[in-house]
Amino acid sequence: MRNAIAGSWIYMIVIIFMVVLIAYVAITINYANAFEQNEYMIKAIEESEGFNNTSRARITQILKNKNATVQHGCPKDDEKYQYIGILDGVPDKRKKINKYDYCIGRQTVNVGGVDKQFYKIIVYFSFSIPVLGDLYAFQVAGETGGLVYVYDDTF
């Protein structure tokens, strides 16, 4: 009887180790997918020369194809960035809801007498368990390079 009870601790340790390992792998895969999606979104803004109707249409298509993110609220404006939440491709400057597809921020920096626009895109992915649902939303943020001649900007 003593050996049977002592052996159950080993099984419990193995099960806990497996749960932690599987959770780590699941979070890593979800992060990689969300990061890849974020990079495609940044590339769309840089190629469209700003956050305009063309880049919004491309980003909406990227979101439909990849589906690696969850809806979440936008962070508060800080000294660098002014954020806008995007829901179904439509900008919402009010920030009243907590269910945006992604958030985008913009800052203007004067570099050598030239104003450059920098955009920051924030998407969220979640760690979810089928019975418990979404446990925690992780943030993935990316920033564009400086754009000098911004075309038809939404901000």
Foldseek 3Di string as FASTA:
>chain_A
DVVVVVVVVVVVVVVVVVVVVVLVVVVVVLVVLVQVLQVQLLVLQVVLQEAALRSLVSNLVSCVVRVSFFFFFDDPDDPFWQKWFAASSDTDNPRPDTGGQKMKIWGWDQDPNATWIKMKIKTWGFRADVVGGTDDIDIDMDMHDTRGDHDHYPD
